[in-house]
Amino acid sequence: MRVMVFAIATEGTEQGEPPTMEAFEAMERFTEELVKAGVLVAGAGLKPSAESKRITIDGPSRTVIDGPFTEPRELIAGFSIWKVKDMDEAVAWAKRSPNIMPGPSKLELRPFFEAEDMADALELDAGTREKLGVA
């Protein structure tokens, strides 16, 4: 299974505070462990929401809203994608993650919809199921 791991923003990340060199090095070591284990698919840190845009969609209407956005606890400061056998493995890896932000921080783990999750909903024919590797 694949999971998206979100690093939830803090006041510090929204103010553009970089991690300490010690914290950065700890995250680098952890990332190397994820790579060696074949878990890490991709990942990156994100700039503060002051450099962001939001697009609201309502029918045919599109509205662009410039950052910064309020409530850092509802924003994402970084992400990674992990390939794990199950959510328990993802949680075990997440518990080993260093805290690179000053003060408390949070991670959120969300599983991806995979082909097999969508096969029944999409009522795929046998040929398409076979191509997707779904029973």
N, C-alpha and C. Protein backbone atom coordinates (compact mmCIF):
# COMPACT_ATOMS: atom_id res chain seq x y z
N MET A 1 0.84 -1.17 0.00
CA MET A 1 0.00 0.00 0.00
C MET A 1 0.89 1.24 0.00
N ARG A 2 0.35 2.31 -0.52
CA ARG A 2 1.06 3.59 -0.48
C ARG A 2 0.34 4.52 0.48
N VAL A 3 1.13 5.30 1.22
CA VAL A 3 0.57 6.31 2.11
C VAL A 3 1.25 7.64 1.83
N MET A 4 0.47 8.69 1.96
CA MET A 4 0.99 10.05 1.89
C MET A 4 1.20 10.48 3.33
N VAL A 5 2.41 10.94 3.61
CA VAL A 5 2.75 11.40 4.95
C VAL A 5 2.85 12.92 4.89
N PHE A 6 1.97 13.58 5.61
CA PHE A 6 1.96 15.04 5.64
C PHE A 6 2.65 15.54 6.90
N ALA A 7 3.57 16.47 6.75
CA ALA A 7 4.11 17.20 7.90
C ALA A 7 3.23 18.43 8.05
N ILE A 8 2.54 18.51 9.15
CA ILE A 8 1.62 19.62 9.38
C ILE A 8 2.42 20.87 9.75
N ALA A 9 2.04 22.00 9.17
CA ALA A 9 2.75 23.26 9.40
C ALA A 9 2.64 23.71 10.84
N THR A 10 3.58 24.54 11.22
CA THR A 10 3.59 25.17 12.55
C THR A 10 3.75 26.67 12.33
N GLU A 11 3.63 27.43 13.39
CA GLU A 11 3.88 28.88 13.27
C GLU A 11 5.27 29.13 12.68
N GLY A 12 6.24 28.34 13.14
CA GLY A 12 7.62 28.50 12.67
C GLY A 12 7.78 28.23 11.19
N THR A 13 7.16 27.14 10.69
CA THR A 13 7.30 26.84 9.26
C THR A 13 6.61 27.90 8.43
N GLU A 14 5.51 28.43 8.94
CA GLU A 14 4.80 29.48 8.21
C GLU A 14 5.57 30.80 8.19
N GLN A 15 6.46 30.97 9.15
CA GLN A 15 7.30 32.17 9.17
C GLN A 15 8.60 31.93 8.42
N GLY A 16 8.74 30.74 7.84
CA GLY A 16 9.92 30.43 7.04
C GLY A 16 11.14 30.07 7.85
N GLU A 17 10.95 29.71 9.13
CA GLU A 17 12.09 29.32 9.97
C GLU A 17 12.66 28.00 9.47
N PRO A 18 13.95 27.98 9.13
CA PRO A 18 14.54 26.72 8.69
C PRO A 18 14.82 25.81 9.90
N PRO A 19 14.90 24.51 9.66
CA PRO A 19 15.27 23.61 10.76
C PRO A 19 16.72 23.86 11.16
N THR A 20 17.07 23.48 12.37
CA THR A 20 18.46 23.57 12.79
C THR A 20 19.28 22.58 11.97
N MET A 21 20.58 22.79 11.91
CA MET A 21 21.44 21.87 11.17
C MET A 21 21.35 20.47 11.77
N GLU A 22 21.27 20.38 13.10
CA GLU A 22 21.14 19.08 13.76
C GLU A 22 19.85 18.38 13.33
N ALA A 23 18.75 19.12 13.29
CA ALA A 23 17.46 18.55 12.89
C ALA A 23 17.49 18.14 11.42
N PHE A 24 18.08 18.96 10.59
CA PHE A 24 18.18 18.66 9.16
C PHE A 24 18.99 17.38 8.95
N GLU A 25 20.10 17.25 9.66
CA GLU A 25 20.93 16.05 9.53
C GLU A 25 20.20 14.80 10.03
N ALA A 26 19.41 14.94 11.10
CA ALA A 26 18.62 13.82 11.60
C ALA A 26 17.60 13.38 10.56
N MET A 27 16.96 14.34 9.91
CA MET A 27 15.98 14.00 8.87
C MET A 27 16.67 13.36 7.67
N GLU A 28 17.86 13.82 7.36
CA GLU A 28 18.62 13.24 6.25
C GLU A 28 18.94 11.77 6.55
N ARG A 29 19.35 11.47 7.77
CA ARG A 29 19.63 10.08 8.16
C ARG A 29 18.36 9.23 8.09
N PHE A 30 17.26 9.77 8.57
CA PHE A 30 15.99 9.04 8.53
C PHE A 30 15.57 8.77 7.09
N THR A 31 15.72 9.77 6.23
CA THR A 31 15.37 9.61 4.81
C THR A 31 16.22 8.51 4.18
N GLU A 32 17.50 8.47 4.52
CA GLU A 32 18.38 7.41 4.00
C GLU A 32 17.90 6.03 4.44
N GLU A 33 17.42 5.92 5.69
CA GLU A 33 16.87 4.65 6.17
C GLU A 33 15.65 4.24 5.35
N LEU A 34 14.76 5.22 5.08
CA LEU A 34 13.57 4.94 4.28
C LEU A 34 13.95 4.46 2.88
N VAL A 35 14.95 5.11 2.29
CA VAL A 35 15.40 4.72 0.94
C VAL A 35 15.99 3.31 0.96
N LYS A 36 16.88 3.03 1.92
CA LYS A 36 17.51 1.71 2.01
C LYS A 36 16.48 0.61 2.21
N ALA A 37 15.40 0.91 2.94
CA ALA A 37 14.35 -0.07 3.20
C ALA A 37 13.38 -0.20 2.02
N GLY A 38 13.53 0.65 1.01
CA GLY A 38 12.63 0.60 -0.14
C GLY A 38 11.26 1.19 0.15
N VAL A 39 11.17 2.02 1.18
CA VAL A 39 9.88 2.60 1.59
C VAL A 39 9.61 3.93 0.91
N LEU A 40 10.62 4.78 0.80
CA LEU A 40 10.41 6.14 0.27
C LEU A 40 10.19 6.12 -1.24
N VAL A 41 9.08 6.69 -1.67
CA VAL A 41 8.78 6.85 -3.09
C VAL A 41 9.14 8.27 -3.52
N ALA A 42 8.76 9.27 -2.73
CA ALA A 42 9.04 10.67 -3.03
C ALA A 42 8.81 11.50 -1.78
N GLY A 43 9.32 12.71 -1.78
CA GLY A 43 9.08 13.61 -0.66
C GLY A 43 9.71 14.96 -0.88
N ALA A 44 9.19 15.97 -0.20
CA ALA A 44 9.73 17.32 -0.29
C ALA A 44 9.13 18.19 0.79
N GLY A 45 9.88 19.22 1.15
CA GLY A 45 9.35 20.26 2.03
C GLY A 45 8.66 21.30 1.18
N LEU A 46 7.75 22.04 1.77
CA LEU A 46 7.01 23.06 1.04
C LEU A 46 7.29 24.44 1.62
N LYS A 47 7.29 25.43 0.75
CA LYS A 47 7.49 26.81 1.20
C LYS A 47 6.27 27.27 1.98
N PRO A 48 6.41 28.35 2.76
CA PRO A 48 5.28 28.86 3.55
C PRO A 48 4.09 29.25 2.66
N SER A 49 2.92 29.26 3.26
CA SER A 49 1.70 29.56 2.50
C SER A 49 1.68 30.99 1.95
N ALA A 50 2.55 31.86 2.45
CA ALA A 50 2.63 33.22 1.89
C ALA A 50 3.00 33.18 0.41
N GLU A 51 3.62 32.09 -0.02
CA GLU A 51 4.01 31.93 -1.42
C GLU A 51 3.05 31.04 -2.19
N SER A 52 1.90 30.77 -1.59
CA SER A 52 0.94 29.83 -2.16
C SER A 52 -0.25 30.53 -2.80
N LYS A 53 -1.01 29.76 -3.54
CA LYS A 53 -2.28 30.18 -4.13
C LYS A 53 -3.29 29.08 -3.85
N ARG A 54 -4.53 29.48 -3.70
CA ARG A 54 -5.64 28.53 -3.64
C ARG A 54 -6.60 28.88 -4.75
N ILE A 55 -7.17 27.87 -5.33
CA ILE A 55 -8.17 28.06 -6.38
C ILE A 55 -9.47 27.49 -5.85
N THR A 56 -10.48 28.33 -5.73
CA THR A 56 -11.79 27.83 -5.34
C THR A 56 -12.59 27.58 -6.62
N ILE A 57 -13.30 26.48 -6.62
CA ILE A 57 -14.05 26.06 -7.80
C ILE A 57 -15.51 25.94 -7.41
N ASP A 58 -16.36 26.62 -8.14
CA ASP A 58 -17.80 26.55 -7.92
C ASP A 58 -18.46 26.53 -9.29
N GLY A 59 -18.83 25.32 -9.72
CA GLY A 59 -19.37 25.20 -11.08
C GLY A 59 -18.34 25.68 -12.08
N PRO A 60 -18.71 26.58 -12.98
CA PRO A 60 -17.75 27.07 -13.97
C PRO A 60 -16.83 28.18 -13.44
N SER A 61 -17.11 28.67 -12.24
CA SER A 61 -16.35 29.79 -11.67
C SER A 61 -15.06 29.32 -11.00
N ARG A 62 -13.98 30.08 -11.20
CA ARG A 62 -12.69 29.82 -10.56
C ARG A 62 -12.20 31.12 -9.92
N THR A 63 -11.82 31.06 -8.66
CA THR A 63 -11.32 32.23 -7.96
C THR A 63 -9.95 31.92 -7.38
N VAL A 64 -8.99 32.80 -7.62
CA VAL A 64 -7.64 32.63 -7.11
C VAL A 64 -7.49 33.45 -5.84
N ILE A 65 -6.99 32.79 -4.79
CA ILE A 65 -6.77 33.44 -3.50
C ILE A 65 -5.29 33.35 -3.19
N ASP A 66 -4.67 34.49 -2.89
CA ASP A 66 -3.26 34.52 -2.55
C ASP A 66 -3.06 34.21 -1.07
N GLY A 67 -1.95 33.50 -0.75
CA GLY A 67 -1.56 33.27 0.64
C GLY A 67 -0.99 34.56 1.20
N PRO A 68 -0.71 34.64 2.46
CA PRO A 68 -0.68 33.51 3.40
C PRO A 68 -2.07 33.14 3.89
N PHE A 69 -2.16 31.92 4.37
CA PHE A 69 -3.42 31.41 4.90
C PHE A 69 -3.30 31.28 6.40
N THR A 70 -4.41 31.42 7.08
CA THR A 70 -4.41 31.34 8.54
C THR A 70 -4.42 29.89 9.00
N GLU A 71 -4.30 29.72 10.28
CA GLU A 71 -4.35 28.41 10.93
C GLU A 71 -3.30 27.43 10.40
N PRO A 72 -2.04 27.64 10.75
CA PRO A 72 -0.99 26.72 10.31
C PRO A 72 -1.30 25.25 10.58
N ARG A 73 -2.03 24.96 11.66
CA ARG A 73 -2.32 23.56 11.98
C ARG A 73 -3.16 22.89 10.89
N GLU A 74 -3.71 23.68 9.96
CA GLU A 74 -4.49 23.13 8.86
C GLU A 74 -3.72 23.16 7.54
N LEU A 75 -2.44 23.52 7.60
CA LEU A 75 -1.62 23.61 6.39
C LEU A 75 -0.57 22.50 6.38
N ILE A 76 -0.01 22.25 5.22
CA ILE A 76 1.00 21.21 5.06
C ILE A 76 2.35 21.87 4.83
N ALA A 77 3.35 21.43 5.58
CA ALA A 77 4.70 21.99 5.45
C ALA A 77 5.60 21.10 4.62
N GLY A 78 5.21 19.86 4.42
CA GLY A 78 6.00 18.92 3.63
C GLY A 78 5.23 17.63 3.47
N PHE A 79 5.76 16.78 2.60
CA PHE A 79 5.08 15.51 2.36
C PHE A 79 6.10 14.46 1.95
N SER A 80 5.71 13.22 2.08
CA SER A 80 6.45 12.12 1.46
C SER A 80 5.44 11.03 1.13
N ILE A 81 5.83 10.21 0.20
CA ILE A 81 5.00 9.06 -0.20
C ILE A 81 5.80 7.82 0.16
N TRP A 82 5.19 6.93 0.91
CA TRP A 82 5.83 5.70 1.33
C TRP A 82 5.10 4.51 0.76
N LYS A 83 5.84 3.48 0.40
CA LYS A 83 5.28 2.19 -0.01
C LYS A 83 5.54 1.23 1.13
N VAL A 84 4.47 0.81 1.79
CA VAL A 84 4.55 -0.06 2.96
C VAL A 84 3.57 -1.22 2.80
N LYS A 85 3.72 -2.24 3.65
CA LYS A 85 2.80 -3.38 3.53
C LYS A 85 1.43 -3.07 4.11
N ASP A 86 1.39 -2.21 5.15
CA ASP A 86 0.11 -1.87 5.76
C ASP A 86 0.27 -0.60 6.61
N MET A 87 -0.83 -0.14 7.17
CA MET A 87 -0.80 1.09 7.96
C MET A 87 0.03 0.93 9.23
N ASP A 88 0.07 -0.27 9.79
CA ASP A 88 0.90 -0.49 10.98
C ASP A 88 2.37 -0.22 10.68
N GLU A 89 2.84 -0.66 9.52
CA GLU A 89 4.23 -0.39 9.14
C GLU A 89 4.45 1.11 8.95
N ALA A 90 3.49 1.79 8.33
CA ALA A 90 3.61 3.23 8.13
C ALA A 90 3.70 3.95 9.47
N VAL A 91 2.88 3.55 10.42
CA VAL A 91 2.90 4.16 11.75
C VAL A 91 4.25 3.90 12.43
N ALA A 92 4.76 2.69 12.29
CA ALA A 92 6.05 2.37 12.90
C ALA A 92 7.15 3.26 12.35
N TRP A 93 7.16 3.48 11.04
CA TRP A 93 8.15 4.39 10.44
C TRP A 93 7.93 5.81 10.92
N ALA A 94 6.69 6.26 10.95
CA ALA A 94 6.40 7.64 11.36
C ALA A 94 6.84 7.90 12.80
N LYS A 95 6.71 6.91 13.66
CA LYS A 95 7.13 7.07 15.05
C LYS A 95 8.64 7.24 15.17
N ARG A 96 9.38 6.81 14.16
CA ARG A 96 10.84 6.95 14.16
C ARG A 96 11.29 8.28 13.56
N SER A 97 10.37 9.01 12.96
CA SER A 97 10.72 10.27 12.30
C SER A 97 11.21 11.31 13.29
N PRO A 98 12.32 11.96 12.96
CA PRO A 98 12.78 13.04 13.85
C PRO A 98 11.86 14.25 13.73
N ASN A 99 11.83 15.04 14.79
CA ASN A 99 11.07 16.29 14.75
C ASN A 99 12.03 17.39 14.29
N ILE A 100 11.87 17.85 13.07
CA ILE A 100 12.80 18.87 12.58
C ILE A 100 12.28 20.29 12.82
N MET A 101 11.08 20.39 13.37
CA MET A 101 10.51 21.71 13.64
C MET A 101 10.75 22.09 15.09
N PRO A 102 10.93 23.38 15.35
CA PRO A 102 11.07 23.78 16.75
C PRO A 102 9.73 23.58 17.46
N GLY A 103 9.74 22.95 18.60
CA GLY A 103 8.50 22.72 19.33
C GLY A 103 7.76 21.50 18.82
N PRO A 104 6.55 21.29 19.32
CA PRO A 104 5.75 20.13 18.91
C PRO A 104 5.39 20.18 17.43
N SER A 105 5.26 19.01 16.84
CA SER A 105 4.82 18.94 15.44
C SER A 105 3.94 17.72 15.25
N LYS A 106 3.32 17.62 14.08
CA LYS A 106 2.41 16.51 13.79
C LYS A 106 2.69 15.97 12.40
N LEU A 107 2.45 14.67 12.27
CA LEU A 107 2.44 14.01 10.97
C LEU A 107 1.04 13.43 10.77
N GLU A 108 0.60 13.42 9.54
CA GLU A 108 -0.67 12.77 9.21
C GLU A 108 -0.38 11.75 8.12
N LEU A 109 -0.89 10.54 8.29
CA LEU A 109 -0.69 9.47 7.31
C LEU A 109 -2.03 9.14 6.66
N ARG A 110 -2.06 9.22 5.33
CA ARG A 110 -3.31 8.92 4.62
C ARG A 110 -3.04 7.95 3.49
N PRO A 111 -3.76 6.83 3.48
CA PRO A 111 -3.56 5.85 2.41
C PRO A 111 -4.11 6.36 1.08
N PHE A 112 -3.43 5.95 0.02
CA PHE A 112 -3.90 6.24 -1.33
C PHE A 112 -5.02 5.28 -1.70
N PHE A 113 -5.91 5.72 -2.57
CA PHE A 113 -6.81 4.78 -3.23
C PHE A 113 -5.94 4.02 -4.22
N GLU A 114 -6.01 2.71 -4.20
CA GLU A 114 -5.27 1.89 -5.14
C GLU A 114 -6.27 1.32 -6.14
N ALA A 115 -5.76 0.74 -7.22
CA ALA A 115 -6.62 0.21 -8.27
C ALA A 115 -7.66 -0.76 -7.72
N GLU A 116 -7.21 -1.62 -6.79
CA GLU A 116 -8.15 -2.61 -6.25
C GLU A 116 -9.26 -1.96 -5.44
N ASP A 117 -9.00 -0.78 -4.86
CA ASP A 117 -10.04 -0.07 -4.12
C ASP A 117 -11.12 0.45 -5.06
N MET A 118 -10.72 0.78 -6.25
CA MET A 118 -11.64 1.39 -7.20
C MET A 118 -12.30 0.39 -8.14
N ALA A 119 -11.76 -0.81 -8.24
CA ALA A 119 -12.24 -1.79 -9.22
C ALA A 119 -13.73 -2.07 -9.08
N ASP A 120 -14.19 -2.34 -7.88
CA ASP A 120 -15.60 -2.65 -7.68
C ASP A 120 -16.48 -1.43 -7.96
N ALA A 121 -16.03 -0.28 -7.49
CA ALA A 121 -16.82 0.94 -7.68
C ALA A 121 -16.95 1.28 -9.16
N LEU A 122 -15.92 0.99 -9.92
CA LEU A 122 -15.93 1.31 -11.35
C LEU A 122 -16.51 0.20 -12.20
N GLU A 123 -16.83 -0.93 -11.58
CA GLU A 123 -17.38 -2.08 -12.28
C GLU A 123 -16.56 -2.40 -13.52
N LEU A 124 -15.26 -2.62 -13.32
CA LEU A 124 -14.35 -2.89 -14.42
C LEU A 124 -14.58 -4.27 -15.00
N ASP A 125 -14.39 -4.38 -16.33
CA ASP A 125 -14.53 -5.69 -16.97
C ASP A 125 -13.30 -6.54 -16.64
N ALA A 126 -13.37 -7.83 -16.91
CA ALA A 126 -12.31 -8.77 -16.56
C ALA A 126 -10.97 -8.40 -17.20
N GLY A 127 -10.96 -7.95 -18.45
CA GLY A 127 -9.71 -7.58 -19.13
C GLY A 127 -9.02 -6.41 -18.46
N THR A 128 -9.79 -5.40 -18.09
CA THR A 128 -9.22 -4.23 -17.42
C THR A 128 -8.73 -4.61 -16.03
N ARG A 129 -9.49 -5.47 -15.32
CA ARG A 129 -9.06 -5.92 -14.00
C ARG A 129 -7.71 -6.64 -14.10
N GLU A 130 -7.56 -7.47 -15.12
CA GLU A 130 -6.31 -8.19 -15.31
C GLU A 130 -5.16 -7.24 -15.57
N LYS A 131 -5.36 -6.23 -16.40
CA LYS A 131 -4.32 -5.23 -16.68
C LYS A 131 -3.90 -4.49 -15.42
N LEU A 132 -4.84 -4.23 -14.53
CA LEU A 132 -4.55 -3.52 -13.29
C LEU A 132 -4.02 -4.45 -12.21
N GLY A 133 -4.06 -5.76 -12.46
CA GLY A 133 -3.62 -6.71 -11.46
C GLY A 133 -4.58 -6.85 -10.31
N VAL A 134 -5.87 -6.69 -10.61
CA VAL A 134 -6.91 -6.74 -9.60
C VAL A 134 -7.74 -8.00 -9.82
N ALA A 135 -8.04 -8.72 -8.74
CA ALA A 135 -8.84 -9.96 -8.84
C ALA A 135 -10.27 -9.66 -9.25
